């Protein structure tokens, strides 16, 4: 399936910028008679954000907790704990109709996910353990400079 991605910040009260309008129009002409989906909303978080969360937010906390005696703790357990601490519950229905409470990061956009991670980074337990978790910007700067040193832009 071919896909057209147009990413832009739109000013309220104005129409689509000409370049975006032209791209959508050209796409519609080329694929006439087929379904075209236009999705508007905040940016979705990237797989890089997930790597940062699991590898550079949760992993150092797990390591610090194990060092003080919580040998059985793992990242998945910690993830479950933080979801319950910092996310709003969603009530979903089971196939039987029974309600179930779900805490999920899946639907968080990039800004919401950043706020969630910031809550973890500045949580009392992280501060008490003395865990230094780099910010997403620090992580991105460090990984981009590493790629540049390898000749990858």
Protein backbone atom coordinates (compact mmCIF):
# COMPACT_ATOMS: atom_id res chain seq x y z
CA UNK A 1 0.00 0.00 0.00
CA UNK A 2 1.38 3.39 -0.93
CA UNK A 3 1.21 6.18 1.58
CA UNK A 4 1.41 9.95 1.45
CA UNK A 5 2.81 11.68 4.51
CA UNK A 6 2.45 15.41 4.91
CA UNK A 7 3.64 16.72 8.23
CA UNK A 8 2.96 20.34 9.01
CA UNK A 9 2.01 22.70 11.78
CA UNK A 10 -1.18 24.40 10.77
CA UNK A 11 -2.17 27.90 11.86
CA UNK A 12 -5.74 28.08 13.15
CA UNK A 13 -8.15 29.97 10.93
CA UNK A 14 -6.22 29.37 7.71
CA UNK A 15 -6.57 26.83 4.92
CA UNK A 16 -4.06 24.18 3.99
CA UNK A 17 -0.76 25.61 2.77
CA UNK A 18 -0.52 25.49 -1.03
CA UNK A 19 2.17 22.80 -1.08
CA UNK A 20 0.12 20.49 1.16
CA UNK A 21 -3.05 21.16 -0.85
CA UNK A 22 -1.21 20.41 -4.10
CA UNK A 23 0.20 17.14 -2.72
CA UNK A 24 -3.19 15.93 -1.53
CA UNK A 25 -4.82 16.96 -4.81
CA UNK A 26 -2.15 15.16 -6.90
CA UNK A 27 -2.53 12.06 -4.74
CA UNK A 28 -6.32 12.14 -5.14
CA UNK A 29 -6.00 12.45 -8.93
CA UNK A 30 -3.50 9.61 -9.13
CA UNK A 31 -5.54 7.26 -6.96
CA UNK A 32 -9.06 8.28 -7.96
CA UNK A 33 -11.74 5.83 -6.92
CA UNK A 34 -9.67 4.49 -4.04
CA UNK A 35 -10.02 5.39 -0.40
CA UNK A 36 -7.89 8.30 0.79
CA UNK A 37 -7.43 8.87 4.49
CA UNK A 38 -6.38 12.20 5.96
CA UNK A 39 -5.49 12.07 9.62
CA UNK A 40 -5.11 15.16 11.75
CA UNK A 41 -3.80 15.22 15.28
CA UNK A 42 -0.75 15.54 17.45
CA UNK A 43 2.38 13.71 16.35
CA UNK A 44 2.63 10.04 17.27
CA UNK A 45 5.64 9.03 19.27
CA UNK A 46 8.50 7.34 17.49
CA UNK A 47 10.09 3.95 17.97
CA UNK A 48 13.14 5.92 19.13
CA UNK A 49 11.04 7.30 22.00
CA UNK A 50 10.16 3.74 22.98
CA UNK A 51 13.82 2.68 22.85
CA UNK A 52 14.72 5.66 25.05
CA UNK A 53 11.96 4.75 27.54
CA UNK A 54 12.82 1.06 27.89
CA UNK A 55 16.60 1.33 27.59
CA UNK A 56 17.48 4.66 29.16
CA UNK A 57 14.62 5.43 31.56
CA UNK A 58 13.45 2.10 32.96
CA UNK A 59 16.72 0.13 32.70
CA UNK A 60 18.79 2.38 35.04
CA UNK A 61 15.96 2.41 37.60
CA UNK A 62 15.76 -1.39 37.51
CA UNK A 63 19.54 -1.59 37.93
CA UNK A 64 19.45 0.77 40.93
CA UNK A 65 16.56 -1.12 42.56
CA UNK A 66 18.39 -4.43 42.12
CA UNK A 67 21.50 -2.90 43.70
CA UNK A 68 19.52 -2.13 46.88
CA UNK A 69 17.97 -5.57 47.18
CA UNK A 70 15.04 -5.79 44.78
CA UNK A 71 16.63 -8.60 42.76
CA UNK A 72 13.39 -9.79 41.13
CA UNK A 73 12.31 -6.41 39.71
CA UNK A 74 12.31 -6.06 35.93
CA UNK A 75 11.46 -3.35 33.42
CA UNK A 76 8.02 -4.79 32.64
CA UNK A 77 7.04 -4.73 36.32
CA UNK A 78 8.30 -1.18 36.69
CA UNK A 79 6.42 -0.15 33.53
CA UNK A 80 3.19 -1.51 35.04
CA UNK A 81 3.85 0.37 38.27
CA UNK A 82 4.47 3.69 36.54
CA UNK A 83 1.45 3.34 34.27
CA UNK A 84 -0.77 3.01 37.34
CA UNK A 85 0.94 5.93 39.05
CA UNK A 86 0.92 8.46 36.21
CA UNK A 87 -1.76 7.53 33.66
CA UNK A 88 -5.52 7.92 33.68
CA UNK A 89 -7.32 4.60 33.69
CA UNK A 90 -9.42 3.60 30.70
CA UNK A 91 -12.43 1.42 31.34
CA UNK A 92 -12.85 -1.15 28.56
CA UNK A 93 -15.34 -3.97 28.22
CA UNK A 94 -14.24 -7.58 28.14
CA UNK A 95 -15.87 -9.86 25.52
CA UNK A 96 -18.14 -11.03 28.34
CA UNK A 97 -19.25 -7.42 28.91
CA UNK A 98 -17.45 -7.18 32.24
CA UNK A 99 -15.51 -3.91 32.71
CA UNK A 100 -11.73 -3.96 32.93
CA UNK A 101 -9.46 -1.08 33.90
CA UNK A 102 -6.54 -0.53 31.55
CA UNK A 103 -3.56 1.78 31.95
CA UNK A 104 -1.77 2.17 28.62
CA UNK A 105 0.98 4.27 27.09
CA UNK A 106 0.00 3.07 23.60
CA UNK A 107 -2.34 5.99 22.85
CA UNK A 108 -0.07 8.72 24.22
CA UNK A 109 1.15 11.20 21.62
CA UNK A 110 4.74 12.44 21.76
CA UNK A 111 3.97 15.39 24.08
CA UNK A 112 1.98 13.22 26.50
CA UNK A 113 4.65 10.52 26.45
CA UNK A 114 7.32 13.13 27.21
CA UNK A 115 5.27 14.34 30.19
CA UNK A 116 4.86 10.75 31.40
CA UNK A 117 8.61 10.14 31.19
CA UNK A 118 9.33 13.45 32.93
CA UNK A 119 7.08 12.34 35.81
CA UNK A 120 9.16 9.18 36.13
CA UNK A 121 12.50 11.02 35.82
CA UNK A 122 11.55 13.36 38.66
CA UNK A 123 9.76 10.81 40.85
CA UNK A 124 10.70 10.48 44.50
CA UNK A 125 12.06 6.94 44.14
CA UNK A 126 14.32 7.91 41.25
CA UNK A 127 15.64 10.90 43.20
CA UNK A 128 16.13 8.81 46.38
CA UNK A 129 18.03 6.15 44.45
CA UNK A 130 20.23 8.84 42.92
CA UNK A 131 19.50 7.63 39.40
CA UNK A 132 20.49 10.17 36.75
CA UNK A 133 18.23 9.70 33.74
CA UNK A 134 19.17 11.85 30.80
CA UNK A 135 16.41 13.89 29.22
CA UNK A 136 15.04 12.91 25.83
CA UNK A 137 16.91 15.87 24.31
CA UNK A 138 20.20 14.76 25.91
CA UNK A 139 19.61 11.21 24.67
CA UNK A 140 18.84 12.45 21.16
CA UNK A 141 21.89 14.75 21.09
CA UNK A 142 24.15 11.94 22.30
CA UNK A 143 22.86 9.35 19.85
CA UNK A 144 22.92 11.77 16.92
CA UNK A 145 26.51 12.77 17.68
CA UNK A 146 27.44 9.07 17.87
CA UNK A 147 25.89 8.45 14.44
CA UNK A 148 27.69 11.49 13.03
CA UNK A 149 30.98 10.13 14.35
CA UNK A 150 30.24 6.97 12.36
CA UNK A 151 29.62 9.06 9.24
CA UNK A 152 25.84 8.64 9.39
CA UNK A 153 23.67 11.76 9.16
